[in-house]
Amino acid sequence: MYLTKLLKNEGKKVAVLSRGYGRKSKGYYLVSDGINMLVSVDVCGDEIYHTASEYNVAAAVSENRVQGARNLIKQLNIDTILLDDAFQHRWIKRDLNLLIFEQNFLCRNNFFVQNLLPTGIMREPFNSVKRADAIIINRKFSNHKKILNKNARYLEGKTIFTSYYEAME
């Protein structure tokens, strides 16, 4: 959740909006106001609960991303919303589209054809990569440049970042 830290350090009022996979509820819930946790993990799902509690970031869950974003802005006067797993939700306006790939997916020949995350064959059509403004490769490895060069036709004009996992304190 480096982006939340970075944006908060820039003075932005940041929130994370998720669908809330694995939760036992439906609808919109404000998970955290950035200081206090407001619902239980059953209501929101474990991933967003963990994100909100560990990074002290405002967070909400909603199947309807547009309504969820509106609620966050209205309730907390948020100016920056990070949408979790929302690349395919094109009806919500965004300033930046990021795609994240795990390095082991890049090792396959046609990684863009089969492996847009969250994983699943053809989760997104192949040509959807064009909508990405930048691509993040998680867990940089020694031959990543070779694999990027092999797939250069898919990456033309894209900014490429690498990232890694970091143990939490």
Foldseek 3Di string as FASTA:
>chain_A
DVVVVVCVVVVFQEEEEEQQPPAPEAAKDWQALLADGDDDCNHRPDPRNCVCVQRSHTYMHHNPPQVNVVCCCVPNVGDYYHYDPCLVVPVDDDDFAEWEAEVVLLPDQCSLQQQGPVHDGPPDHSLSLVVHQAYEYEPDDDCVVVSCVSVVVSCPNHHYHYYYDDDGD
